[in-house]
Amino acid sequence: MDTGTLIQNVQQAASPTELIQAVQALAASSEAEAIPALIEVLGYNNPAAAITAMQGLVRWGETAVPLLIEKLDGYNYGARAYAIRALATLGDARALEVLVQAAETDFAPSVRRAATKGLGGIYRAAPQRIQTSLSQLVQDEDWSIRYAAVVSLEAIAQAVDHPNAEASLKHLAGQDAEPVVQARALLALQRLRQLIPSEL
């Protein structure tokens, strides 16, 4: 079935089940024409279809990045959150500005969380910029943003053995006001210790 027909099936789906099946078929397409159509699905009021579309976009890899950035929905925060999750998963340096801005300033917590988690994956693209951003995010009043920052700090510490990242994790493990953030930071530190070979 050609991509045009697959897109038409998505647009004309008569039920949630039909929509999900149509999106699954579109996500399996090997034609780049599917990418903008999958991005459009991110804004549908159907989480299962949106997740399927997001996974399809991630499978496209770096090819999907420019359109994900260009078509980022400034009005529908649900669609924006899925797009940011896709960009965060892909870890492409071209998404740096989008992820930093979303993490620091977006009004939707789901968008901010996804972007914050993604910063760790693109750390090498702009170490100082991301370190500065995370130093602010670990102090955010929203505990879920601090939790997401822990995820990024762990990724950075694992990838580049960054002393500042580990120091921030130790501070959060001992000082954060939310037990769940403390626990996640402690888990990160435990995982990091497992990566360090014991001395003979």
C-alpha atoms as a PDB file:
ATOM      1  CA  MET A   1       0.000   0.000   0.000  1.00  0.00           C
ATOM      2  CA  ASP A   2       1.422   3.389  -0.966  1.00  0.00           C
ATOM      3  CA  THR A   3       2.107   6.065   1.653  1.00  0.00           C
ATOM      4  CA  GLY A   4      -0.590   8.376   0.319  1.00  0.00           C
ATOM      5  CA  THR A   5      -3.205   5.706   0.960  1.00  0.00           C
ATOM      6  CA  LEU A   6      -1.787   5.025   4.426  1.00  0.00           C
ATOM      7  CA  ILE A   7      -2.063   8.730   5.273  1.00  0.00           C
ATOM      8  CA  GLN A   8      -5.610   8.822   3.937  1.00  0.00           C
ATOM      9  CA  ASN A   9      -6.520   5.836   6.114  1.00  0.00           C
ATOM     10  CA  VAL A  10      -5.289   7.737   9.174  1.00  0.00           C
ATOM     11  CA  GLN A  11      -7.245  10.837   8.258  1.00  0.00           C
ATOM     12  CA  GLN A  12     -10.438   8.895   7.550  1.00  0.00           C
ATOM     13  CA  ALA A  13     -10.346   6.471  10.485  1.00  0.00           C
ATOM     14  CA  ALA A  14     -13.873   6.086  11.851  1.00  0.00           C
ATOM     15  CA  SER A  15     -13.011   4.834  15.336  1.00  0.00           C
ATOM     16  CA  PRO A  16     -10.147   4.946  17.844  1.00  0.00           C
ATOM     17  CA  THR A  17      -9.283   1.339  17.021  1.00  0.00           C
ATOM     18  CA  GLU A  18      -9.193   2.045  13.291  1.00  0.00           C
ATOM     19  CA  LEU A  19      -7.028   5.087  13.942  1.00  0.00           C
ATOM     20  CA  ILE A  20      -4.476   3.135  15.958  1.00  0.00           C
ATOM     21  CA  GLN A  21      -4.294   0.428  13.290  1.00  0.00           C
ATOM     22  CA  ALA A  22      -3.894   3.036  10.553  1.00  0.00           C
ATOM     23  CA  VAL A  23      -1.135   4.825  12.470  1.00  0.00           C
ATOM     24  CA  GLN A  24       0.667   1.524  13.060  1.00  0.00           C
ATOM     25  CA  ALA A  25       0.641   0.885   9.317  1.00  0.00           C
ATOM     26  CA  LEU A  26       1.845   4.419   8.586  1.00  0.00           C
ATOM     27  CA  ALA A  27       4.616   4.148  11.187  1.00  0.00           C
ATOM     28  CA  ALA A  28       5.889   1.050   9.380  1.00  0.00           C
ATOM     29  CA  SER A  29       6.179   2.920   6.071  1.00  0.00           C
ATOM     30  CA  SER A  30       9.638   3.291   4.569  1.00  0.00           C
ATOM     31  CA  GLU A  31       8.718   6.493   2.722  1.00  0.00           C
ATOM     32  CA  ALA A  32       9.789   9.851   4.194  1.00  0.00           C
ATOM     33  CA  GLU A  33       6.388  11.225   3.200  1.00  0.00           C
ATOM     34  CA  ALA A  34       5.115   9.504   6.346  1.00  0.00           C
ATOM     35  CA  ILE A  35       7.118  11.755   8.693  1.00  0.00           C
ATOM     36  CA  PRO A  36       4.960  14.930   8.572  1.00  0.00           C
ATOM     37  CA  ALA A  37       1.810  12.812   8.778  1.00  0.00           C
ATOM     38  CA  LEU A  38       3.126  11.047  11.886  1.00  0.00           C
ATOM     39  CA  ILE A  39       3.975  14.424  13.429  1.00  0.00           C
ATOM     40  CA  GLU A  40       0.386  15.509  12.812  1.00  0.00           C
ATOM     41  CA  VAL A  41      -0.873  12.447  14.698  1.00  0.00           C
ATOM     42  CA  LEU A  42       1.022  13.623  17.805  1.00  0.00           C
ATOM     43  CA  GLY A  43      -1.708  16.240  18.213  1.00  0.00           C
ATOM     44  CA  TYR A  44      -4.631  13.835  17.972  1.00  0.00           C
ATOM     45  CA  ASN A  45      -6.746  13.275  21.068  1.00  0.00           C
ATOM     46  CA  ASN A  46      -5.718   9.628  21.187  1.00  0.00           C
ATOM     47  CA  PRO A  47      -2.696   8.834  23.383  1.00  0.00           C
ATOM     48  CA  ALA A  48      -2.224   5.327  21.977  1.00  0.00           C
ATOM     49  CA  ALA A  49      -2.098   6.658  18.418  1.00  0.00           C
ATOM     50  CA  ALA A  50       0.234   9.490  19.459  1.00  0.00           C
ATOM     51  CA  ILE A  51       2.632   7.095  21.184  1.00  0.00           C
ATOM     52  CA  THR A  52       2.640   4.838  18.123  1.00  0.00           C
ATOM     53  CA  ALA A  53       3.403   7.850  15.920  1.00  0.00           C
ATOM     54  CA  MET A  54       6.166   8.983  18.281  1.00  0.00           C
ATOM     55  CA  GLN A  55       7.761   5.534  18.197  1.00  0.00           C
ATOM     56  CA  GLY A  56       7.559   5.576  14.408  1.00  0.00           C
ATOM     57  CA  LEU A  57       9.319   8.938  14.315  1.00  0.00           C
ATOM     58  CA  VAL A  58      12.063   7.661  16.606  1.00  0.00           C
ATOM     59  CA  ARG A  59      12.619   4.732  14.236  1.00  0.00           C
ATOM     60  CA  TRP A  60      13.248   7.240  11.457  1.00  0.00           C
ATOM     61  CA  GLY A  61      16.215   8.511  13.444  1.00  0.00           C
ATOM     62  CA  GLU A  62      18.038  11.670  12.399  1.00  0.00           C
ATOM     63  CA  THR A  63      15.916  11.974   9.242  1.00  0.00           C
ATOM     64  CA  ALA A  64      12.925  13.002  11.364  1.00  0.00           C
ATOM     65  CA  VAL A  65      14.758  15.638  13.420  1.00  0.00           C
ATOM     66  CA  PRO A  66      14.455  18.705  11.137  1.00  0.00           C
ATOM     67  CA  LEU A  67      10.701  18.285  10.681  1.00  0.00           C
ATOM     68  CA  LEU A  68      10.148  17.558  14.374  1.00  0.00           C
ATOM     69  CA  ILE A  69      11.844  20.864  15.171  1.00  0.00           C
ATOM     70  CA  GLU A  70      10.172  22.807  12.361  1.00  0.00           C
ATOM     71  CA  LYS A  71       6.670  21.546  13.128  1.00  0.00           C
ATOM     72  CA  LEU A  72       6.878  21.765  16.921  1.00  0.00           C
ATOM     73  CA  ASP A  73       3.347  22.670  18.024  1.00  0.00           C
ATOM     74  CA  GLY A  74       3.300  25.933  19.949  1.00  0.00           C
ATOM     75  CA  TYR A  75      -0.371  25.600  20.910  1.00  0.00           C
ATOM     76  CA  ASN A  76      -1.037  21.934  21.650  1.00  0.00           C
ATOM     77  CA  TYR A  77       1.164  21.038  24.617  1.00  0.00           C
ATOM     78  CA  GLY A  78       0.279  17.353  24.309  1.00  0.00           C
ATOM     79  CA  ALA A  79       1.626  17.234  20.763  1.00  0.00           C
ATOM     80  CA  ARG A  80       4.634  19.259  21.860  1.00  0.00           C
ATOM     81  CA  ALA A  81       5.367  16.834  24.690  1.00  0.00           C
ATOM     82  CA  TYR A  82       5.372  13.841  22.334  1.00  0.00           C
ATOM     83  CA  ALA A  83       7.608  15.676  19.852  1.00  0.00           C
ATOM     84  CA  ILE A  84      10.029  16.653  22.619  1.00  0.00           C
ATOM     85  CA  ARG A  85      10.067  13.054  23.866  1.00  0.00           C
ATOM     86  CA  ALA A  86      10.980  11.911  20.363  1.00  0.00           C
ATOM     87  CA  LEU A  87      13.755  14.501  20.094  1.00  0.00           C
ATOM     88  CA  ALA A  88      15.044  13.608  23.562  1.00  0.00           C
ATOM     89  CA  THR A  89      15.137   9.923  22.654  1.00  0.00           C
ATOM     90  CA  LEU A  90      16.951  10.612  19.395  1.00  0.00           C
ATOM     91  CA  GLY A  91      19.636  12.672  21.169  1.00  0.00           C
ATOM     92  CA  ASP A  92      20.458  14.736  18.088  1.00  0.00           C
ATOM     93  CA  ALA A  93      22.535  17.866  18.729  1.00  0.00           C
ATOM     94  CA  ARG A  94      20.339  19.874  16.353  1.00  0.00           C
ATOM     95  CA  ALA A  95      17.623  19.767  19.001  1.00  0.00           C
ATOM     96  CA  LEU A  96      19.823  21.527  21.583  1.00  0.00           C
ATOM     97  CA  GLU A  97      18.100  24.918  21.547  1.00  0.00           C
ATOM     98  CA  VAL A  98      14.636  23.394  21.428  1.00  0.00           C
ATOM     99  CA  LEU A  99      15.317  21.112  24.398  1.00  0.00           C
ATOM    100  CA  VAL A 100      17.000  23.781  26.529  1.00  0.00           C
ATOM    101  CA  GLN A 101      14.257  26.311  25.891  1.00  0.00           C
ATOM    102  CA  ALA A 102      11.503  23.777  26.544  1.00  0.00           C
ATOM    103  CA  ALA A 103      13.162  22.565  29.749  1.00  0.00           C
ATOM    104  CA  GLU A 104      13.602  26.057  31.118  1.00  0.00           C
ATOM    105  CA  THR A 105      10.532  27.963  29.943  1.00  0.00           C
ATOM    106  CA  ASP A 106       7.660  25.795  28.689  1.00  0.00           C
ATOM    107  CA  PHE A 107       4.468  26.196  30.708  1.00  0.00           C
ATOM    108  CA  ALA A 108       3.563  22.499  30.454  1.00  0.00           C
ATOM    109  CA  PRO A 109       5.250  20.244  33.042  1.00  0.00           C
ATOM    110  CA  SER A 110       5.084  17.232  30.707  1.00  0.00           C
ATOM    111  CA  VAL A 111       7.041  19.146  28.071  1.00  0.00           C
ATOM    112  CA  ARG A 112       9.587  20.401  30.600  1.00  0.00           C
ATOM    113  CA  ARG A 113      10.130  16.914  32.032  1.00  0.00           C
ATOM    114  CA  ALA A 114      10.699  15.357  28.618  1.00  0.00           C
ATOM    115  CA  ALA A 115      13.100  18.106  27.582  1.00  0.00           C
ATOM    116  CA  THR A 116      15.019  17.993  30.865  1.00  0.00           C
ATOM    117  CA  LYS A 117      15.522  14.238  30.557  1.00  0.00           C
ATOM    118  CA  GLY A 118      16.785  14.766  27.024  1.00  0.00           C
ATOM    119  CA  LEU A 119      19.555  17.170  28.002  1.00  0.00           C
ATOM    120  CA  GLY A 120      21.791  14.398  29.279  1.00  0.00           C
ATOM    121  CA  GLY A 121      21.756  12.686  25.897  1.00  0.00           C
ATOM    122  CA  ILE A 122      23.106  15.713  24.020  1.00  0.00           C
ATOM    123  CA  TYR A 123      25.558  16.899  26.679  1.00  0.00           C
ATOM    124  CA  ARG A 124      28.589  16.658  24.397  1.00  0.00           C
ATOM    125  CA  ALA A 125      27.003  19.107  21.933  1.00  0.00           C
ATOM    126  CA  ALA A 126      27.239  22.017  24.384  1.00  0.00           C
ATOM    127  CA  PRO A 127      28.600  20.972  27.795  1.00  0.00           C
ATOM    128  CA  GLN A 128      28.668  24.416  29.385  1.00  0.00           C
ATOM    129  CA  ARG A 129      25.217  25.379  28.151  1.00  0.00           C
ATOM    130  CA  ILE A 130      23.628  22.177  29.405  1.00  0.00           C
ATOM    131  CA  GLN A 131      25.506  22.267  32.706  1.00  0.00           C
ATOM    132  CA  THR A 132      24.221  25.802  33.294  1.00  0.00           C
ATOM    133  CA  SER A 133      20.677  24.753  32.433  1.00  0.00           C
ATOM    134  CA  LEU A 134      20.740  21.705  34.697  1.00  0.00           C
ATOM    135  CA  SER A 135      22.174  23.746  37.568  1.00  0.00           C
ATOM    136  CA  GLN A 136      18.956  25.783  37.405  1.00  0.00           C
ATOM    137  CA  LEU A 137      16.654  22.823  36.869  1.00  0.00           C
ATOM    138  CA  VAL A 138      17.883  20.944  39.952  1.00  0.00           C
ATOM    139  CA  GLN A 139      16.566  23.895  41.975  1.00  0.00           C
ATOM    140  CA  ASP A 140      13.172  24.058  40.252  1.00  0.00           C
ATOM    141  CA  GLU A 141      10.158  24.299  42.552  1.00  0.00           C
ATOM    142  CA  ASP A 142       8.492  21.414  40.687  1.00  0.00           C
ATOM    143  CA  TRP A 143       9.872  18.175  42.111  1.00  0.00           C
ATOM    144  CA  SER A 144       9.157  16.311  38.846  1.00  0.00           C
ATOM    145  CA  ILE A 145      11.535  18.645  37.005  1.00  0.00           C
ATOM    146  CA  ARG A 146      14.235  18.007  39.605  1.00  0.00           C
ATOM    147  CA  TYR A 147      13.596  14.280  39.198  1.00  0.00           C
ATOM    148  CA  ALA A 148      14.037  14.599  35.428  1.00  0.00           C
ATOM    149  CA  ALA A 149      17.248  16.556  36.008  1.00  0.00           C
ATOM    150  CA  VAL A 150      18.564  13.630  38.068  1.00  0.00           C
ATOM    151  CA  VAL A 151      17.994  11.348  35.064  1.00  0.00           C
ATOM    152  CA  SER A 152      20.063  13.688  32.889  1.00  0.00           C
ATOM    153  CA  LEU A 153      22.797  14.084  35.483  1.00  0.00           C
ATOM    154  CA  GLU A 154      23.133  10.320  35.750  1.00  0.00           C
ATOM    155  CA  ALA A 155      23.406  10.014  31.962  1.00  0.00           C
ATOM    156  CA  ILE A 156      26.116  12.684  31.902  1.00  0.00           C
ATOM    157  CA  ALA A 157      28.066  11.147  34.772  1.00  0.00           C
ATOM    158  CA  GLN A 158      27.951   7.714  33.121  1.00  0.00           C
ATOM    159  CA  ALA A 159      28.993   9.008  29.719  1.00  0.00           C
ATOM    160  CA  VAL A 160      31.756  11.456  30.581  1.00  0.00           C
ATOM    161  CA  ASP A 161      32.605  10.883  34.259  1.00  0.00           C
ATOM    162  CA  HIS A 162      31.659  14.482  35.040  1.00  0.00           C
ATOM    163  CA  PRO A 163      32.519  15.447  38.657  1.00  0.00           C
ATOM    164  CA  ASN A 164      29.971  18.290  38.773  1.00  0.00           C
ATOM    165  CA  ALA A 165      27.183  15.940  37.749  1.00  0.00           C
ATOM    166  CA  GLU A 166      28.078  13.499  40.509  1.00  0.00           C
ATOM    167  CA  ALA A 167      28.362  16.333  43.035  1.00  0.00           C
ATOM    168  CA  SER A 168      24.879  17.534  42.100  1.00  0.00           C
ATOM    169  CA  LEU A 169      23.523  14.012  42.526  1.00  0.00           C
ATOM    170  CA  LYS A 170      25.089  13.755  45.985  1.00  0.00           C
ATOM    171  CA  HIS A 171      23.529  17.078  46.973  1.00  0.00           C
ATOM    172  CA  LEU A 172      20.078  16.013  45.759  1.00  0.00           C
ATOM    173  CA  ALA A 173      20.383  12.618  47.451  1.00  0.00           C
ATOM    174  CA  GLY A 174      21.039  14.291  50.777  1.00  0.00           C
ATOM    175  CA  GLN A 175      19.249  17.621  50.608  1.00  0.00           C
ATOM    176  CA  ASP A 176      16.229  17.552  48.272  1.00  0.00           C
ATOM    177  CA  ALA A 177      12.906  18.225  49.950  1.00  0.00           C
ATOM    178  CA  GLU A 178      11.139  15.356  48.155  1.00  0.00           C
ATOM    179  CA  PRO A 179      11.946  11.776  49.205  1.00  0.00           C
ATOM    180  CA  VAL A 180      11.277  10.504  45.672  1.00  0.00           C
ATOM    181  CA  VAL A 181      13.935  12.848  44.252  1.00  0.00           C
ATOM    182  CA  GLN A 182      16.369  11.848  46.993  1.00  0.00           C
ATOM    183  CA  ALA A 183      15.725   8.175  46.241  1.00  0.00           C
ATOM    184  CA  ARG A 184      16.250   8.633  42.499  1.00  0.00           C
ATOM    185  CA  ALA A 185      19.500  10.525  43.066  1.00  0.00           C
ATOM    186  CA  LEU A 186      20.699   7.817  45.448  1.00  0.00           C
ATOM    187  CA  LEU A 187      19.867   5.151  42.861  1.00  0.00           C
ATOM    188  CA  ALA A 188      21.878   7.095  40.278  1.00  0.00           C
ATOM    189  CA  LEU A 189      24.869   7.230  42.615  1.00  0.00           C
ATOM    190  CA  GLN A 190      24.626   3.505  43.317  1.00  0.00           C
ATOM    191  CA  ARG A 191      24.587   2.769  39.598  1.00  0.00           C
ATOM    192  CA  LEU A 192      27.605   4.997  39.067  1.00  0.00           C
ATOM    193  CA  ARG A 193      29.551   3.182  41.777  1.00  0.00           C
ATOM    194  CA  GLN A 194      28.832  -0.125  40.041  1.00  0.00           C
ATOM    195  CA  LEU A 195      30.509   1.252  36.924  1.00  0.00           C
ATOM    196  CA  ILE A 196      33.736   2.016  38.805  1.00  0.00           C
ATOM    197  CA  PRO A 197      36.057  -1.020  38.940  1.00  0.00           C
ATOM    198  CA  SER A 198      37.216  -1.874  42.434  1.00  0.00           C
ATOM    199  CA  GLU A 199      40.927  -1.470  43.092  1.00  0.00           C
ATOM    200  CA  LEU A 200      42.961  -4.639  43.510  1.00  0.00           C
END
